[in-house]
Amino acid sequence: MQNDRNDVGSLWVGVVAIIALLYCNPARAEARVILLRGWFGVFSTGLDEIADALKAKGIRAEVAGHLYWRTAADDILRERAEGKTDALVLVGHSQGANNVIDMARVLEAKNVPVALLVTLAPYRQNPIPSNVMRAINYYQSTGWGAPITAGTGFQGRLSNIDVKEDSTVSHINIDKSTRVQAEIAREVGAVVKAN
């Protein structure tokens, strides 16, 4: 009888140890959100507001100038190799919007999935690569931007959202639209929750 108790006790200790390793591992992957500003990095301050809202919810988010895209892609590839990055979200405004598509394309070549890619008024409408699961493009048919298209092999979900009905929104301030910010935060939250 005593041996049976020891066996059960040992079993429980083993179960607890496995759970601790699975859920408390410091190298465990976590979602990462990268937001890239447009030219000069001064016109896209709404991205800072989005990042602050995400950070307040415990979501890892960073804002950088559009020229950071190649460094960020290299960082993501390194983190993937270390097992540190799970869901990946890329958001960009203007030139930064074009560069998040460039980033996704570099990651596509290495089979790294992008859970969510959001573009705000990209000045070029490059096709979305096949590694993107969900893509959302905010644009103004009466101003700057146009719908974007799916690239070869794209199997994800693509939404083009025309914000022309809001006359206060322009290319320069689309990232500051409270509606757009709320929608982006909601989409990012859904990705993180599903992660």
N, C-alpha and C. Protein backbone atom coordinates (compact mmCIF):
# COMPACT_ATOMS: atom_id res chain seq x y z
N MET A 1 0.83 -1.19 0.00
CA MET A 1 0.00 0.00 0.00
C MET A 1 0.87 1.26 0.00
N GLN A 2 1.94 1.22 0.82
CA GLN A 2 2.84 2.37 0.89
C GLN A 2 3.49 2.63 -0.47
N ASN A 3 3.88 1.57 -1.18
CA ASN A 3 4.49 1.73 -2.49
C ASN A 3 3.53 2.35 -3.49
N ASP A 4 2.23 1.99 -3.39
CA ASP A 4 1.23 2.58 -4.28
C ASP A 4 1.13 4.08 -4.05
N ARG A 5 1.16 4.50 -2.79
CA ARG A 5 1.10 5.93 -2.48
C ARG A 5 2.33 6.66 -3.02
N ASN A 6 3.48 6.04 -2.86
CA ASN A 6 4.71 6.65 -3.39
C ASN A 6 4.65 6.78 -4.90
N ASP A 7 4.10 5.74 -5.56
CA ASP A 7 3.98 5.79 -7.02
C ASP A 7 3.04 6.91 -7.45
N VAL A 8 1.91 7.06 -6.76
CA VAL A 8 0.95 8.12 -7.08
C VAL A 8 1.58 9.49 -6.81
N GLY A 9 2.27 9.60 -5.69
CA GLY A 9 2.94 10.86 -5.37
C GLY A 9 4.00 11.22 -6.40
N SER A 10 4.76 10.24 -6.82
CA SER A 10 5.78 10.47 -7.85
C SER A 10 5.14 10.87 -9.17
N LEU A 11 4.02 10.24 -9.47
CA LEU A 11 3.30 10.58 -10.70
C LEU A 11 2.86 12.04 -10.68
N TRP A 12 2.30 12.49 -9.56
CA TRP A 12 1.85 13.88 -9.45
C TRP A 12 3.01 14.86 -9.55
N VAL A 13 4.11 14.53 -8.93
CA VAL A 13 5.29 15.39 -9.02
C VAL A 13 5.74 15.50 -10.47
N GLY A 14 5.72 14.38 -11.19
CA GLY A 14 6.09 14.39 -12.61
C GLY A 14 5.14 15.24 -13.44
N VAL A 15 3.84 15.12 -13.19
CA VAL A 15 2.84 15.90 -13.93
C VAL A 15 3.05 17.39 -13.68
N VAL A 16 3.25 17.77 -12.42
CA VAL A 16 3.47 19.18 -12.08
C VAL A 16 4.75 19.69 -12.76
N ALA A 17 5.79 18.88 -12.78
CA ALA A 17 7.04 19.30 -13.42
C ALA A 17 6.85 19.52 -14.92
N ILE A 18 6.10 18.65 -15.57
CA ILE A 18 5.85 18.81 -17.01
C ILE A 18 5.05 20.08 -17.27
N ILE A 19 4.02 20.31 -16.47
CA ILE A 19 3.21 21.52 -16.63
C ILE A 19 4.08 22.76 -16.44
N ALA A 20 4.93 22.74 -15.44
CA ALA A 20 5.81 23.89 -15.19
C ALA A 20 6.74 24.13 -16.38
N LEU A 21 7.27 23.06 -16.94
CA LEU A 21 8.16 23.22 -18.09
C LEU A 21 7.43 23.76 -19.31
N LEU A 22 6.20 23.30 -19.51
CA LEU A 22 5.44 23.75 -20.68
C LEU A 22 4.99 25.20 -20.56
N TYR A 23 4.54 25.60 -19.39
CA TYR A 23 3.92 26.91 -19.25
C TYR A 23 4.79 27.97 -18.61
N CYS A 24 5.88 27.59 -18.01
CA CYS A 24 6.74 28.57 -17.35
C CYS A 24 8.11 28.68 -18.01
N ASN A 25 8.28 28.07 -19.13
CA ASN A 25 9.55 28.10 -19.84
C ASN A 25 9.86 29.52 -20.30
N PRO A 26 10.97 30.13 -19.87
CA PRO A 26 11.28 31.50 -20.27
C PRO A 26 11.52 31.65 -21.77
N ALA A 27 11.85 30.57 -22.48
CA ALA A 27 12.07 30.66 -23.92
C ALA A 27 10.77 30.47 -24.70
N ARG A 28 9.68 30.33 -23.98
CA ARG A 28 8.39 30.12 -24.63
C ARG A 28 8.07 31.28 -25.56
N ALA A 29 7.51 30.94 -26.69
CA ALA A 29 7.19 31.95 -27.70
C ALA A 29 6.08 32.88 -27.21
N GLU A 30 6.10 34.10 -27.70
CA GLU A 30 5.04 35.05 -27.40
C GLU A 30 4.76 35.86 -28.67
N ALA A 31 3.56 36.39 -28.74
CA ALA A 31 3.20 37.19 -29.91
C ALA A 31 4.08 38.44 -29.98
N ARG A 32 4.33 38.88 -31.19
CA ARG A 32 5.13 40.09 -31.40
C ARG A 32 4.42 40.98 -32.41
N VAL A 33 4.31 42.25 -32.08
CA VAL A 33 3.66 43.23 -32.95
C VAL A 33 4.69 44.29 -33.31
N ILE A 34 4.87 44.52 -34.60
CA ILE A 34 5.80 45.55 -35.09
C ILE A 34 4.99 46.55 -35.90
N LEU A 35 5.13 47.83 -35.56
CA LEU A 35 4.44 48.90 -36.27
C LEU A 35 5.49 49.81 -36.90
N LEU A 36 5.40 50.01 -38.21
CA LEU A 36 6.38 50.82 -38.93
C LEU A 36 5.77 52.13 -39.41
N ARG A 37 6.44 53.23 -39.04
CA ARG A 37 6.00 54.57 -39.44
C ARG A 37 6.32 54.83 -40.92
N GLY A 38 5.71 55.89 -41.42
CA GLY A 38 5.99 56.34 -42.79
C GLY A 38 7.28 57.15 -42.84
N TRP A 39 7.48 57.81 -43.96
CA TRP A 39 8.70 58.58 -44.18
C TRP A 39 8.98 59.55 -43.05
N PHE A 40 10.23 59.71 -42.73
CA PHE A 40 10.73 60.63 -41.70
C PHE A 40 10.32 60.22 -40.29
N GLY A 41 9.41 59.29 -40.14
CA GLY A 41 9.02 58.81 -38.83
C GLY A 41 8.28 59.81 -37.98
N VAL A 42 7.80 60.91 -38.56
CA VAL A 42 7.14 61.94 -37.76
C VAL A 42 5.64 62.04 -38.03
N PHE A 43 5.18 61.47 -39.14
CA PHE A 43 3.78 61.62 -39.50
C PHE A 43 2.90 60.46 -39.04
N SER A 44 3.47 59.49 -38.41
CA SER A 44 2.72 58.28 -38.07
C SER A 44 2.61 58.09 -36.56
N THR A 45 2.40 59.16 -35.83
CA THR A 45 2.36 59.07 -34.37
C THR A 45 1.15 58.30 -33.86
N GLY A 46 0.15 58.11 -34.69
CA GLY A 46 -0.99 57.28 -34.29
C GLY A 46 -0.58 55.84 -34.03
N LEU A 47 0.51 55.41 -34.66
CA LEU A 47 1.01 54.06 -34.40
C LEU A 47 1.51 53.93 -32.97
N ASP A 48 2.08 55.02 -32.43
CA ASP A 48 2.51 55.01 -31.03
C ASP A 48 1.31 54.82 -30.11
N GLU A 49 0.20 55.46 -30.45
CA GLU A 49 -1.01 55.31 -29.64
C GLU A 49 -1.53 53.88 -29.68
N ILE A 50 -1.48 53.26 -30.85
CA ILE A 50 -1.90 51.86 -30.97
C ILE A 50 -0.98 50.97 -30.13
N ALA A 51 0.33 51.18 -30.25
CA ALA A 51 1.30 50.38 -29.49
C ALA A 51 1.10 50.55 -27.99
N ASP A 52 0.86 51.78 -27.54
CA ASP A 52 0.63 52.02 -26.11
C ASP A 52 -0.61 51.28 -25.62
N ALA A 53 -1.67 51.29 -26.42
CA ALA A 53 -2.90 50.58 -26.04
C ALA A 53 -2.65 49.07 -25.96
N LEU A 54 -1.87 48.55 -26.89
CA LEU A 54 -1.55 47.12 -26.87
C LEU A 54 -0.68 46.77 -25.68
N LYS A 55 0.33 47.60 -25.40
CA LYS A 55 1.21 47.35 -24.26
C LYS A 55 0.43 47.37 -22.95
N ALA A 56 -0.56 48.25 -22.86
CA ALA A 56 -1.39 48.32 -21.65
C ALA A 56 -2.15 47.01 -21.44
N LYS A 57 -2.35 46.25 -22.51
CA LYS A 57 -3.02 44.94 -22.42
C LYS A 57 -2.01 43.80 -22.30
N GLY A 58 -0.74 44.15 -22.14
CA GLY A 58 0.29 43.13 -21.98
C GLY A 58 0.79 42.52 -23.28
N ILE A 59 0.54 43.20 -24.39
CA ILE A 59 0.97 42.70 -25.70
C ILE A 59 2.28 43.37 -26.10
N ARG A 60 3.25 42.57 -26.46
CA ARG A 60 4.56 43.07 -26.88
C ARG A 60 4.41 43.80 -28.22
N ALA A 61 4.62 45.11 -28.21
CA ALA A 61 4.48 45.92 -29.43
C ALA A 61 5.62 46.92 -29.49
N GLU A 62 6.14 47.12 -30.69
CA GLU A 62 7.21 48.10 -30.87
C GLU A 62 6.95 48.92 -32.12
N VAL A 63 7.30 50.20 -32.04
CA VAL A 63 7.14 51.13 -33.16
C VAL A 63 8.53 51.55 -33.62
N ALA A 64 8.70 51.60 -34.94
CA ALA A 64 9.99 52.00 -35.49
C ALA A 64 9.77 52.69 -36.83
N GLY A 65 10.80 53.37 -37.29
CA GLY A 65 10.75 53.97 -38.61
C GLY A 65 10.76 52.90 -39.70
N HIS A 66 10.30 53.26 -40.87
CA HIS A 66 10.16 52.28 -41.95
C HIS A 66 11.49 51.65 -42.35
N LEU A 67 12.61 52.33 -42.15
CA LEU A 67 13.91 51.78 -42.53
C LEU A 67 14.32 50.59 -41.65
N TYR A 68 13.63 50.40 -40.55
CA TYR A 68 13.92 49.30 -39.62
C TYR A 68 13.44 47.95 -40.15
N TRP A 69 12.70 47.94 -41.24
CA TRP A 69 12.04 46.71 -41.66
C TRP A 69 12.99 45.55 -41.89
N ARG A 70 14.13 45.79 -42.49
CA ARG A 70 15.07 44.70 -42.78
C ARG A 70 15.68 44.16 -41.48
N THR A 71 16.04 45.06 -40.57
CA THR A 71 16.56 44.64 -39.27
C THR A 71 15.51 43.83 -38.51
N ALA A 72 14.27 44.30 -38.54
CA ALA A 72 13.19 43.59 -37.86
C ALA A 72 13.00 42.20 -38.46
N ALA A 73 13.06 42.09 -39.77
CA ALA A 73 12.93 40.77 -40.41
C ALA A 73 14.05 39.84 -39.96
N ASP A 74 15.27 40.35 -39.90
CA ASP A 74 16.40 39.54 -39.42
C ASP A 74 16.20 39.13 -37.97
N ASP A 75 15.72 40.05 -37.13
CA ASP A 75 15.44 39.74 -35.72
C ASP A 75 14.40 38.64 -35.60
N ILE A 76 13.35 38.73 -36.41
CA ILE A 76 12.29 37.72 -36.37
C ILE A 76 12.84 36.36 -36.77
N LEU A 77 13.65 36.31 -37.80
CA LEU A 77 14.23 35.04 -38.23
C LEU A 77 15.11 34.45 -37.14
N ARG A 78 15.89 35.30 -36.46
CA ARG A 78 16.72 34.82 -35.35
C ARG A 78 15.85 34.30 -34.21
N GLU A 79 14.80 35.06 -33.87
CA GLU A 79 13.90 34.63 -32.80
C GLU A 79 13.19 33.34 -33.15
N ARG A 80 12.81 33.18 -34.40
CA ARG A 80 12.18 31.93 -34.84
C ARG A 80 13.13 30.76 -34.60
N ALA A 81 14.39 30.96 -34.95
CA ALA A 81 15.38 29.90 -34.76
C ALA A 81 15.52 29.54 -33.28
N GLU A 82 15.32 30.52 -32.40
CA GLU A 82 15.40 30.31 -30.96
C GLU A 82 14.07 29.85 -30.36
N GLY A 83 13.01 29.85 -31.18
CA GLY A 83 11.69 29.45 -30.69
C GLY A 83 11.00 30.51 -29.86
N LYS A 84 11.38 31.77 -29.99
CA LYS A 84 10.84 32.83 -29.13
C LYS A 84 9.63 33.56 -29.69
N THR A 85 9.37 33.45 -30.98
CA THR A 85 8.26 34.22 -31.54
C THR A 85 7.17 33.29 -32.01
N ASP A 86 5.96 33.56 -31.59
CA ASP A 86 4.82 32.77 -32.01
C ASP A 86 4.08 33.58 -33.06
N ALA A 87 2.92 34.10 -32.72
CA ALA A 87 2.15 34.90 -33.68
C ALA A 87 2.90 36.19 -34.00
N LEU A 88 2.87 36.57 -35.26
CA LEU A 88 3.55 37.78 -35.71
C LEU A 88 2.54 38.70 -36.36
N VAL A 89 2.55 39.96 -35.92
CA VAL A 89 1.65 40.98 -36.47
C VAL A 89 2.51 42.12 -37.00
N LEU A 90 2.24 42.54 -38.24
CA LEU A 90 2.96 43.65 -38.87
C LEU A 90 1.96 44.72 -39.26
N VAL A 91 2.23 45.95 -38.82
CA VAL A 91 1.35 47.09 -39.11
C VAL A 91 2.22 48.20 -39.66
N GLY A 92 1.77 48.86 -40.73
CA GLY A 92 2.56 49.95 -41.28
C GLY A 92 1.70 51.03 -41.89
N HIS A 93 2.23 52.26 -41.85
CA HIS A 93 1.55 53.42 -42.42
C HIS A 93 2.41 54.00 -43.54
N SER A 94 1.79 54.30 -44.68
CA SER A 94 2.45 54.95 -45.81
C SER A 94 3.65 54.11 -46.28
N GLN A 95 4.85 54.67 -46.26
CA GLN A 95 6.03 53.89 -46.63
C GLN A 95 6.18 52.68 -45.72
N GLY A 96 5.86 52.84 -44.46
CA GLY A 96 5.90 51.71 -43.53
C GLY A 96 4.95 50.59 -43.93
N ALA A 97 3.82 50.96 -44.55
CA ALA A 97 2.86 49.96 -45.04
C ALA A 97 3.49 49.14 -46.16
N ASN A 98 4.18 49.82 -47.05
CA ASN A 98 4.86 49.09 -48.12
C ASN A 98 5.96 48.19 -47.55
N ASN A 99 6.63 48.69 -46.52
CA ASN A 99 7.73 47.91 -45.95
C ASN A 99 7.27 46.72 -45.13
N VAL A 100 6.07 46.75 -44.53
CA VAL A 100 5.61 45.54 -43.84
C VAL A 100 5.29 44.45 -44.86
N ILE A 101 4.85 44.85 -46.06
CA ILE A 101 4.66 43.86 -47.13
C ILE A 101 6.02 43.30 -47.56
N ASP A 102 7.02 44.19 -47.68
CA ASP A 102 8.37 43.73 -48.01
C ASP A 102 8.88 42.74 -46.95
N MET A 103 8.63 43.07 -45.69
CA MET A 103 9.03 42.20 -44.58
C MET A 103 8.38 40.84 -44.70
N ALA A 104 7.07 40.85 -44.94
CA ALA A 104 6.34 39.59 -45.07
C ALA A 104 6.91 38.75 -46.21
N ARG A 105 7.30 39.41 -47.28
CA ARG A 105 7.86 38.69 -48.43
C ARG A 105 9.21 38.04 -48.06
N VAL A 106 10.05 38.74 -47.32
CA VAL A 106 11.32 38.16 -46.86
C VAL A 106 11.04 36.96 -45.95
N LEU A 107 10.07 37.10 -45.06
CA LEU A 107 9.72 36.01 -44.15
C LEU A 107 9.10 34.83 -44.90
N GLU A 108 8.36 35.14 -45.96
CA GLU A 108 7.75 34.08 -46.79
C GLU A 108 8.83 33.15 -47.34
N ALA A 109 9.95 33.72 -47.76
CA ALA A 109 11.04 32.93 -48.33
C ALA A 109 11.62 31.95 -47.32
N LYS A 110 11.43 32.23 -46.03
CA LYS A 110 11.93 31.36 -44.96
C LYS A 110 10.78 30.59 -44.28
N ASN A 111 9.62 30.60 -44.90
CA ASN A 111 8.44 29.88 -44.38
C ASN A 111 8.00 30.34 -43.00
N VAL A 112 8.13 31.62 -42.73
CA VAL A 112 7.67 32.19 -41.46
C VAL A 112 6.30 32.81 -41.69
N PRO A 113 5.28 32.32 -40.98
CA PRO A 113 3.94 32.87 -41.17
C PRO A 113 3.76 34.22 -40.49
N VAL A 114 2.91 35.03 -41.09
CA VAL A 114 2.50 36.32 -40.51
C VAL A 114 1.02 36.19 -40.20
N ALA A 115 0.68 36.25 -38.92
CA ALA A 115 -0.72 36.06 -38.51
C ALA A 115 -1.61 37.19 -39.00
N LEU A 116 -1.10 38.42 -38.93
CA LEU A 116 -1.89 39.59 -39.32
C LEU A 116 -0.96 40.64 -39.91
N LEU A 117 -1.36 41.18 -41.05
CA LEU A 117 -0.64 42.27 -41.69
C LEU A 117 -1.65 43.39 -41.95
N VAL A 118 -1.36 44.59 -41.42
CA VAL A 118 -2.27 45.73 -41.59
C VAL A 118 -1.51 46.84 -42.29
N THR A 119 -2.09 47.34 -43.38
CA THR A 119 -1.50 48.48 -44.09
C THR A 119 -2.45 49.67 -44.02
N LEU A 120 -1.86 50.83 -43.76
CA LEU A 120 -2.61 52.09 -43.72
C LEU A 120 -2.09 52.98 -44.84
N ALA A 121 -2.89 53.15 -45.87
CA ALA A 121 -2.58 54.03 -47.00
C ALA A 121 -1.20 53.78 -47.60
N PRO A 122 -0.92 52.55 -48.03
CA PRO A 122 0.35 52.33 -48.70
C PRO A 122 0.38 53.09 -50.02
N TYR A 123 1.55 53.59 -50.40
CA TYR A 123 1.59 54.35 -51.65
C TYR A 123 1.78 53.44 -52.86
N ARG A 124 2.22 52.20 -52.63
CA ARG A 124 2.25 51.18 -53.68
C ARG A 124 1.34 50.05 -53.22
N GLN A 125 0.61 49.47 -54.13
CA GLN A 125 -0.28 48.39 -53.77
C GLN A 125 0.34 47.05 -54.18
N ASN A 126 1.36 46.64 -53.44
CA ASN A 126 2.03 45.38 -53.71
C ASN A 126 1.15 44.21 -53.27
N PRO A 127 1.19 43.10 -54.00
CA PRO A 127 0.39 41.93 -53.61
C PRO A 127 0.83 41.37 -52.26
N ILE A 128 -0.12 40.81 -51.55
CA ILE A 128 0.15 40.22 -50.23
C ILE A 128 0.73 38.81 -50.43
N PRO A 129 1.87 38.50 -49.79
CA PRO A 129 2.49 37.19 -49.97
C PRO A 129 1.69 36.05 -49.33
N SER A 130 2.03 34.85 -49.72
CA SER A 130 1.27 33.66 -49.33
C SER A 130 1.40 33.28 -47.86
N ASN A 131 2.39 33.79 -47.14
CA ASN A 131 2.57 33.43 -45.73
C ASN A 131 1.70 34.26 -44.79
N VAL A 132 0.94 35.20 -45.32
CA VAL A 132 0.07 36.05 -44.49
C VAL A 132 -1.29 35.38 -44.33
N MET A 133 -1.71 35.22 -43.08
CA MET A 133 -2.99 34.57 -42.79
C MET A 133 -4.17 35.53 -42.92
N ARG A 134 -3.95 36.77 -42.49
CA ARG A 134 -5.00 37.79 -42.51
C ARG A 134 -4.35 39.11 -42.88
N ALA A 135 -4.93 39.80 -43.87
CA ALA A 135 -4.42 41.10 -44.29
C ALA A 135 -5.56 42.10 -44.33
N ILE A 136 -5.31 43.28 -43.79
CA ILE A 136 -6.29 44.36 -43.80
C ILE A 136 -5.61 45.60 -44.36
N ASN A 137 -6.23 46.21 -45.34
CA ASN A 137 -5.70 47.42 -45.96
C ASN A 137 -6.71 48.55 -45.79
N TYR A 138 -6.30 49.61 -45.10
CA TYR A 138 -7.12 50.82 -44.98
C TYR A 138 -6.62 51.82 -46.02
N TYR A 139 -7.53 52.36 -46.80
CA TYR A 139 -7.15 53.29 -47.85
C TYR A 139 -8.29 54.27 -48.09
N GLN A 140 -8.04 55.28 -48.93
CA GLN A 140 -9.07 56.26 -49.30
C GLN A 140 -9.18 56.31 -50.81
N SER A 141 -10.31 55.89 -51.33
CA SER A 141 -10.49 55.92 -52.79
C SER A 141 -10.57 57.35 -53.31
N THR A 142 -10.89 58.29 -52.42
CA THR A 142 -10.96 59.70 -52.82
C THR A 142 -9.66 60.43 -52.56
N GLY A 143 -8.69 59.74 -52.04
CA GLY A 143 -7.41 60.37 -51.72
C GLY A 143 -6.27 59.48 -52.11
N TRP A 144 -5.54 59.01 -51.13
CA TRP A 144 -4.34 58.24 -51.34
C TRP A 144 -4.62 56.77 -51.06
N GLY A 145 -4.12 55.95 -51.93
CA GLY A 145 -4.23 54.52 -51.70
C GLY A 145 -5.27 53.87 -52.59
N ALA A 146 -5.30 52.57 -52.55
CA ALA A 146 -6.21 51.78 -53.37
C ALA A 146 -6.27 50.38 -52.75
N PRO A 147 -7.20 49.58 -53.21
CA PRO A 147 -7.23 48.20 -52.71
C PRO A 147 -5.93 47.47 -53.04
N ILE A 148 -5.57 46.53 -52.18
CA ILE A 148 -4.42 45.68 -52.46
C ILE A 148 -4.95 44.31 -52.86
N THR A 149 -4.10 43.52 -53.47
CA THR A 149 -4.52 42.22 -53.98
C THR A 149 -3.72 41.10 -53.33
N ALA A 150 -4.23 39.91 -53.48
CA ALA A 150 -3.55 38.72 -53.00
C ALA A 150 -2.47 38.31 -53.99
N GLY A 151 -1.31 37.95 -53.48
CA GLY A 151 -0.24 37.47 -54.34
C GLY A 151 -0.43 35.99 -54.66
N THR A 152 0.46 35.46 -55.45
CA THR A 152 0.43 34.06 -55.84
C THR A 152 0.47 33.16 -54.60
N GLY A 153 -0.45 32.23 -54.52
CA GLY A 153 -0.48 31.28 -53.42
C GLY A 153 -1.15 31.77 -52.15
N PHE A 154 -1.60 33.02 -52.12
CA PHE A 154 -2.24 33.56 -50.91
C PHE A 154 -3.53 32.79 -50.65
N GLN A 155 -3.66 32.26 -49.44
CA GLN A 155 -4.84 31.48 -49.04
C GLN A 155 -5.56 32.12 -47.86
N GLY A 156 -5.04 33.23 -47.38
CA GLY A 156 -5.59 33.88 -46.19
C GLY A 156 -6.83 34.70 -46.49
N ARG A 157 -7.15 35.56 -45.56
CA ARG A 157 -8.31 36.45 -45.69
C ARG A 157 -7.81 37.87 -45.90
N LEU A 158 -8.34 38.54 -46.92
CA LEU A 158 -7.91 39.89 -47.27
C LEU A 158 -9.12 40.82 -47.23
N SER A 159 -8.97 41.93 -46.51
CA SER A 159 -10.02 42.96 -46.44
C SER A 159 -9.44 44.29 -46.87
N ASN A 160 -10.10 44.95 -47.80
CA ASN A 160 -9.77 46.31 -48.20
C ASN A 160 -10.85 47.22 -47.65
N ILE A 161 -10.47 48.15 -46.79
CA ILE A 161 -11.44 49.02 -46.13
C ILE A 161 -11.23 50.45 -46.60
N ASP A 162 -12.20 50.96 -47.33
CA ASP A 162 -12.17 52.32 -47.86
C ASP A 162 -12.75 53.25 -46.80
N VAL A 163 -11.96 54.21 -46.34
CA VAL A 163 -12.41 55.14 -45.29
C VAL A 163 -12.86 56.48 -45.88
N LYS A 164 -13.25 56.48 -47.14
CA LYS A 164 -13.62 57.72 -47.83
C LYS A 164 -14.80 58.44 -47.19
N GLU A 165 -15.66 57.70 -46.47
CA GLU A 165 -16.84 58.33 -45.87
C GLU A 165 -16.49 59.29 -44.74
N ASP A 166 -15.30 59.18 -44.20
CA ASP A 166 -14.86 60.07 -43.13
C ASP A 166 -13.99 61.17 -43.74
N SER A 167 -14.57 62.33 -43.96
CA SER A 167 -13.85 63.43 -44.62
C SER A 167 -12.72 64.00 -43.78
N THR A 168 -12.67 63.66 -42.49
CA THR A 168 -11.58 64.16 -41.64
C THR A 168 -10.32 63.32 -41.77
N VAL A 169 -10.41 62.17 -42.42
CA VAL A 169 -9.26 61.27 -42.55
C VAL A 169 -8.53 61.54 -43.85
N SER A 170 -7.21 61.67 -43.74
CA SER A 170 -6.36 61.88 -44.91
C SER A 170 -5.18 60.91 -44.84
N HIS A 171 -4.35 60.95 -45.84
CA HIS A 171 -3.17 60.09 -45.85
C HIS A 171 -2.30 60.35 -44.62
N ILE A 172 -2.16 61.60 -44.25
CA ILE A 172 -1.29 61.98 -43.14
C ILE A 172 -1.83 61.53 -41.79
N ASN A 173 -3.16 61.47 -41.63
CA ASN A 173 -3.70 61.19 -40.29
C ASN A 173 -4.54 59.91 -40.20
N ILE A 174 -4.52 59.06 -41.20
CA ILE A 174 -5.32 57.84 -41.15
C ILE A 174 -4.95 56.98 -39.94
N ASP A 175 -3.69 57.02 -39.54
CA ASP A 175 -3.23 56.25 -38.38
C ASP A 175 -3.75 56.82 -37.06
N LYS A 176 -4.26 58.05 -37.09
CA LYS A 176 -4.77 58.69 -35.87
C LYS A 176 -6.29 58.56 -35.74
N SER A 177 -6.94 58.00 -36.74
CA SER A 177 -8.39 57.79 -36.70
C SER A 177 -8.73 56.84 -35.55
N THR A 178 -9.58 57.30 -34.64
CA THR A 178 -9.93 56.44 -33.49
C THR A 178 -10.63 55.17 -33.95
N ARG A 179 -11.41 55.26 -35.01
CA ARG A 179 -12.08 54.07 -35.54
C ARG A 179 -11.05 53.06 -36.05
N VAL A 180 -10.11 53.53 -36.85
CA VAL A 180 -9.08 52.65 -37.41
C VAL A 180 -8.23 52.07 -36.28
N GLN A 181 -7.84 52.90 -35.32
CA GLN A 181 -7.04 52.41 -34.20
C GLN A 181 -7.77 51.32 -33.42
N ALA A 182 -9.05 51.54 -33.15
CA ALA A 182 -9.84 50.55 -32.40
C ALA A 182 -9.95 49.24 -33.17
N GLU A 183 -10.16 49.33 -34.48
CA GLU A 183 -10.27 48.11 -35.30
C GLU A 183 -8.95 47.34 -35.32
N ILE A 184 -7.84 48.06 -35.43
CA ILE A 184 -6.54 47.40 -35.43
C ILE A 184 -6.30 46.73 -34.08
N ALA A 185 -6.56 47.45 -32.99
CA ALA A 185 -6.36 46.88 -31.65
C ALA A 185 -7.21 45.63 -31.46
N ARG A 186 -8.44 45.66 -31.96
CA ARG A 186 -9.33 44.50 -31.84
C ARG A 186 -8.78 43.31 -32.63
N GLU A 187 -8.32 43.56 -33.85
CA GLU A 187 -7.76 42.48 -34.68
C GLU A 187 -6.50 41.90 -34.05
N VAL A 188 -5.62 42.77 -33.53
CA VAL A 188 -4.41 42.28 -32.87
C VAL A 188 -4.78 41.47 -31.64
N GLY A 189 -5.73 41.97 -30.86
CA GLY A 189 -6.18 41.24 -29.67
C GLY A 189 -6.70 39.86 -30.01
N ALA A 190 -7.42 39.73 -31.11
CA ALA A 190 -7.94 38.43 -31.54
C ALA A 190 -6.81 37.47 -31.89
N VAL A 191 -5.77 37.99 -32.54
CA VAL A 191 -4.62 37.15 -32.88
C VAL A 191 -3.92 36.68 -31.62
N VAL A 192 -3.70 37.59 -30.68
CA VAL A 192 -3.01 37.25 -29.44
C VAL A 192 -3.83 36.24 -28.64
N LYS A 193 -5.12 36.46 -28.57
CA LYS A 193 -5.99 35.55 -27.82
C LYS A 193 -5.98 34.14 -28.43
N ALA A 194 -5.96 34.07 -29.75
CA ALA A 194 -5.96 32.77 -30.44
C ALA A 194 -4.61 32.07 -30.34
N ASN A 195 -3.59 32.84 -29.97
CA ASN A 195 -2.23 32.31 -29.93
C ASN A 195 -2.05 31.35 -28.80
